Amino acid sequence: QVQLVESGGGLVQAGGSLRLACAASGRSISEYALGWFRRAPGKEREFVSAMNWNWRRVSTDYANFAKGRFTISRDNAKNTVYLQMNSLNAEDTAVYYCAAERFGSGSQESRSYDYWGRGTQVTVSS
């Protein structure tokens, strides 16, 4: 199985940027579809972005609120997936989680993922 640890969260002013990292251990992330989800205070967990690596072709997916602002990427050599977040606003305040699904498709459904990190807090001040 794979273990996931997120980092890179923090406090940022509106309009600023953060890059989240999710370091995997135990297995190579090349075997997994990887996703980012978030949970804002008082809200349900929601999909942010996902990446699928299949036959050397990378496919990505983004929630509507993330399109044009967030970018998901992965570094197989470092066994790490990233989420670059730009133009942050107060509505982006949440705990961000990365998740992995072995040989998955990069689903928007959280129940598709088998492994989860503990999350990293992102707080955007307005």
Foldseek 3Di string as FASTA:
>chain_A
DKAWAKDWADEAAAQAKIKMKIAIDDDFCLQWKKFKWWDDPPGDIFGAKIWHQDPNDIDMDGDPVQPPFWDWDDDRVRSMIMIIGGRDDQVPFTWMKMFIAGNDDGDRDPVRTDYIYPTDTHGYHD
